[in-house]
Structures are given as C-alpha cells and as structure tokens.
C-alpha cells in the first residue's frame, strides 16, 4: 500500500474547494498560503485573472522586545489586519474566503480573524 503525502492530500482538498469558490469583481477571493515559517494572503479577481492586493508576513516590521516572544499566530493576525487595510484602500469590503486546503484553525484562523477585525466581510 502506497502512502500519500500531506502535500498531495492538501492539493486534492484545494481542488475540491476551488470548484465551489470563484472570486468576482464584487466579491473577490481571499486566498491563503501557509508554510512552516511564513504566511501570505492575496485577494484575487478570478473573472479578470488578476491579483488585486497581496500581503506577506515579511512585510511587517516587528521589533522584537526582549521580554515578550512574538508567535507565528500573532504575526498571522497582524498580516490579516494589514491585508484588510490594503483592501479598504482599494475599496474592497466583501471577499470569499479560500483556505487553500488548510484546516481552518491556528494561523489560518488567526489571519481570517485579523482581517475581520479590520472590517473585511466574508
């Protein structure tokens, strides 16, 4: 019996999700990518095939204080807030959430909640 890798399983889930979710100009798609160290998100208009705005966690300039450790979940929350601010500047208020085959918990959920706090609806 052949073992299937986690990456292949995630890609199968991603394809199933993408069959149902389409981003329009009124409701673009918020797509997330999470790696072991970083997280990124972009807002995409699938009808025109363009990325409207994007954000990476490396865009955040964190000054690490000596007393408090900044976790990856905190960084994901700040990334979601920054994405929502960029979306507001482009007059985007409603999006369709695409988790890209990742489970909706941890950093993915933190990014979504950070975006919701800044007024992005999905």
C-alpha atoms as a PDB file:
ATOM      1  CA  UNK A   1       0.000   0.000   0.000  1.00  0.00           C
ATOM      2  CA  UNK A   2       1.398   3.366  -1.031  1.00  0.00           C
ATOM      3  CA  UNK A   3       1.391   6.225   1.462  1.00  0.00           C
ATOM      4  CA  UNK A   4       0.059   9.573   0.202  1.00  0.00           C
ATOM      5  CA  UNK A   5       1.949  12.668   1.343  1.00  0.00           C
ATOM      6  CA  UNK A   6       0.311  15.563   3.175  1.00  0.00           C
ATOM      7  CA  UNK A   7       1.078  17.878   0.272  1.00  0.00           C
ATOM      8  CA  UNK A   8      -0.833  15.694  -2.189  1.00  0.00           C
ATOM      9  CA  UNK A   9      -3.802  15.423   0.178  1.00  0.00           C
ATOM     10  CA  UNK A  10      -3.848  19.230   0.602  1.00  0.00           C
ATOM     11  CA  UNK A  11      -3.780  19.718  -3.168  1.00  0.00           C
ATOM     12  CA  UNK A  12      -6.745  17.346  -3.586  1.00  0.00           C
ATOM     13  CA  UNK A  13      -8.692  19.322  -0.957  1.00  0.00           C
ATOM     14  CA  UNK A  14      -7.636  22.584  -2.612  1.00  0.00           C
ATOM     15  CA  UNK A  15      -9.063  21.464  -5.977  1.00  0.00           C
ATOM     16  CA  UNK A  16     -12.366  20.468  -4.344  1.00  0.00           C
ATOM     17  CA  UNK A  17     -12.630  23.860  -2.658  1.00  0.00           C
ATOM     18  CA  UNK A  18     -11.718  25.777  -5.836  1.00  0.00           C
ATOM     19  CA  UNK A  19     -14.525  24.029  -7.780  1.00  0.00           C
ATOM     20  CA  UNK A  20     -17.039  25.717  -5.491  1.00  0.00           C
ATOM     21  CA  UNK A  21     -15.355  29.078  -4.837  1.00  0.00           C
ATOM     22  CA  UNK A  22     -14.977  31.725  -7.537  1.00  0.00           C
ATOM     23  CA  UNK A  23     -13.895  35.318  -6.995  1.00  0.00           C
ATOM     24  CA  UNK A  24     -15.789  38.018  -8.853  1.00  0.00           C
ATOM     25  CA  UNK A  25     -15.181  41.736  -9.131  1.00  0.00           C
ATOM     26  CA  UNK A  26     -17.850  42.354  -6.451  1.00  0.00           C
ATOM     27  CA  UNK A  27     -16.669  39.556  -4.170  1.00  0.00           C
ATOM     28  CA  UNK A  28     -13.015  38.712  -4.876  1.00  0.00           C
ATOM     29  CA  UNK A  29     -11.380  35.593  -3.453  1.00  0.00           C
ATOM     30  CA  UNK A  30      -9.089  35.822  -0.413  1.00  0.00           C
ATOM     31  CA  UNK A  31      -6.524  33.045  -0.878  1.00  0.00           C
ATOM     32  CA  UNK A  32      -4.097  31.998   1.854  1.00  0.00           C
ATOM     33  CA  UNK A  33      -0.778  30.176   1.696  1.00  0.00           C
ATOM     34  CA  UNK A  34       0.863  28.897   4.857  1.00  0.00           C
ATOM     35  CA  UNK A  35       4.318  27.369   5.103  1.00  0.00           C
ATOM     36  CA  UNK A  36       6.236  26.180   8.123  1.00  0.00           C
ATOM     37  CA  UNK A  37       7.738  29.633   8.758  1.00  0.00           C
ATOM     38  CA  UNK A  38       5.640  32.162   6.826  1.00  0.00           C
ATOM     39  CA  UNK A  39       2.095  33.040   5.836  1.00  0.00           C
ATOM     40  CA  UNK A  40       0.819  35.074   2.910  1.00  0.00           C
ATOM     41  CA  UNK A  41      -2.556  36.055   1.518  1.00  0.00           C
ATOM     42  CA  UNK A  42      -3.860  37.679  -1.617  1.00  0.00           C
ATOM     43  CA  UNK A  43      -7.163  38.989  -2.890  1.00  0.00           C
ATOM     44  CA  UNK A  44      -7.869  37.758  -6.418  1.00  0.00           C
ATOM     45  CA  UNK A  45     -10.455  38.625  -9.061  1.00  0.00           C
ATOM     46  CA  UNK A  46     -10.893  35.312 -10.918  1.00  0.00           C
ATOM     47  CA  UNK A  47     -13.045  36.797 -13.689  1.00  0.00           C
ATOM     48  CA  UNK A  48     -10.278  39.124 -14.845  1.00  0.00           C
ATOM     49  CA  UNK A  49      -7.484  36.836 -13.633  1.00  0.00           C
ATOM     50  CA  UNK A  50      -5.634  39.479 -11.611  1.00  0.00           C
ATOM     51  CA  UNK A  51      -4.410  39.875  -8.060  1.00  0.00           C
ATOM     52  CA  UNK A  52      -5.926  42.998  -6.525  1.00  0.00           C
ATOM     53  CA  UNK A  53      -3.751  43.120  -3.420  1.00  0.00           C
ATOM     54  CA  UNK A  54      -1.439  40.836  -1.510  1.00  0.00           C
ATOM     55  CA  UNK A  55       0.484  40.729   1.730  1.00  0.00           C
ATOM     56  CA  UNK A  56       3.272  38.616   3.242  1.00  0.00           C
ATOM     57  CA  UNK A  57       4.305  38.359   6.843  1.00  0.00           C
ATOM     58  CA  UNK A  58       7.775  39.581   5.874  1.00  0.00           C
ATOM     59  CA  UNK A  59       6.221  42.998   5.065  1.00  0.00           C
ATOM     60  CA  UNK A  60       5.573  43.501   8.771  1.00  0.00           C
ATOM     61  CA  UNK A  61       8.366  45.239  10.612  1.00  0.00           C
ATOM     62  CA  UNK A  62       8.358  43.682  14.046  1.00  0.00           C
ATOM     63  CA  UNK A  63      10.787  44.955  16.626  1.00  0.00           C
ATOM     64  CA  UNK A  64      11.246  42.016  18.929  1.00  0.00           C
ATOM     65  CA  UNK A  65      11.148  43.099  22.558  1.00  0.00           C
ATOM     66  CA  UNK A  66      13.369  41.090  24.843  1.00  0.00           C
ATOM     67  CA  UNK A  67      10.622  40.249  27.335  1.00  0.00           C
ATOM     68  CA  UNK A  68       7.821  39.013  25.048  1.00  0.00           C
ATOM     69  CA  UNK A  69       8.132  36.384  22.323  1.00  0.00           C
ATOM     70  CA  UNK A  70       6.119  37.048  19.191  1.00  0.00           C
ATOM     71  CA  UNK A  71       4.396  33.877  17.987  1.00  0.00           C
ATOM     72  CA  UNK A  72       3.567  32.898  14.410  1.00  0.00           C
ATOM     73  CA  UNK A  73      -0.134  33.188  15.308  1.00  0.00           C
ATOM     74  CA  UNK A  74       0.378  36.825  16.359  1.00  0.00           C
ATOM     75  CA  UNK A  75       2.167  37.502  13.095  1.00  0.00           C
ATOM     76  CA  UNK A  76      -0.708  35.878  11.148  1.00  0.00           C
ATOM     77  CA  UNK A  77      -3.214  38.130  12.939  1.00  0.00           C
ATOM     78  CA  UNK A  78      -1.200  41.242  12.074  1.00  0.00           C
ATOM     79  CA  UNK A  79      -0.890  40.019   8.465  1.00  0.00           C
ATOM     80  CA  UNK A  80      -4.681  39.699   8.232  1.00  0.00           C
ATOM     81  CA  UNK A  81      -5.122  43.204   9.623  1.00  0.00           C
ATOM     82  CA  UNK A  82      -2.639  44.619   7.104  1.00  0.00           C
ATOM     83  CA  UNK A  83      -4.430  42.824   4.255  1.00  0.00           C
ATOM     84  CA  UNK A  84      -7.776  44.291   5.329  1.00  0.00           C
ATOM     85  CA  UNK A  85      -6.265  47.785   5.450  1.00  0.00           C
ATOM     86  CA  UNK A  86      -4.869  47.382   1.934  1.00  0.00           C
ATOM     87  CA  UNK A  87      -8.254  46.081   0.759  1.00  0.00           C
ATOM     88  CA  UNK A  88     -10.033  49.113   2.250  1.00  0.00           C
ATOM     89  CA  UNK A  89      -7.730  51.430   0.301  1.00  0.00           C
ATOM     90  CA  UNK A  90      -8.798  49.617  -2.889  1.00  0.00           C
ATOM     91  CA  UNK A  91     -12.469  49.851  -1.773  1.00  0.00           C
ATOM     92  CA  UNK A  92     -12.891  46.101  -1.233  1.00  0.00           C
ATOM     93  CA  UNK A  93     -15.174  45.249   1.681  1.00  0.00           C
ATOM     94  CA  UNK A  94     -16.530  41.755   0.885  1.00  0.00           C
ATOM     95  CA  UNK A  95     -14.491  38.725  -0.098  1.00  0.00           C
ATOM     96  CA  UNK A  96     -14.923  34.965  -0.499  1.00  0.00           C
ATOM     97  CA  UNK A  97     -12.566  33.050   1.806  1.00  0.00           C
ATOM     98  CA  UNK A  98     -10.361  30.347   0.239  1.00  0.00           C
ATOM     99  CA  UNK A  99      -8.390  28.358   2.809  1.00  0.00           C
ATOM    100  CA  UNK A 100      -6.465  26.509   0.046  1.00  0.00           C
ATOM    101  CA  UNK A 101      -6.868  23.064   1.579  1.00  0.00           C
ATOM    102  CA  UNK A 102      -5.533  24.054   5.003  1.00  0.00           C
ATOM    103  CA  UNK A 103      -7.589  23.360   8.113  1.00  0.00           C
ATOM    104  CA  UNK A 104      -9.386  26.408   9.462  1.00  0.00           C
ATOM    105  CA  UNK A 105      -7.552  26.660  12.755  1.00  0.00           C
ATOM    106  CA  UNK A 106      -4.325  28.089  14.090  1.00  0.00           C
ATOM    107  CA  UNK A 107      -2.623  30.608  11.820  1.00  0.00           C
ATOM    108  CA  UNK A 108      -5.238  30.392   9.060  1.00  0.00           C
ATOM    109  CA  UNK A 109      -7.991  31.222  11.537  1.00  0.00           C
ATOM    110  CA  UNK A 110      -5.873  33.971  13.113  1.00  0.00           C
ATOM    111  CA  UNK A 111      -5.341  35.621   9.714  1.00  0.00           C
ATOM    112  CA  UNK A 112      -9.080  35.444   8.994  1.00  0.00           C
ATOM    113  CA  UNK A 113      -9.982  36.908  12.387  1.00  0.00           C
ATOM    114  CA  UNK A 114      -7.417  39.689  11.956  1.00  0.00           C
ATOM    115  CA  UNK A 115      -8.949  40.616   8.618  1.00  0.00           C
ATOM    116  CA  UNK A 116     -12.453  40.551  10.130  1.00  0.00           C
ATOM    117  CA  UNK A 117     -11.371  42.863  12.965  1.00  0.00           C
ATOM    118  CA  UNK A 118     -10.336  45.496  10.424  1.00  0.00           C
ATOM    119  CA  UNK A 119     -13.737  45.325   8.679  1.00  0.00           C
ATOM    120  CA  UNK A 120     -13.325  42.780   5.879  1.00  0.00           C
ATOM    121  CA  UNK A 121     -16.528  40.722   5.467  1.00  0.00           C
ATOM    122  CA  UNK A 122     -16.664  37.085   4.400  1.00  0.00           C
END
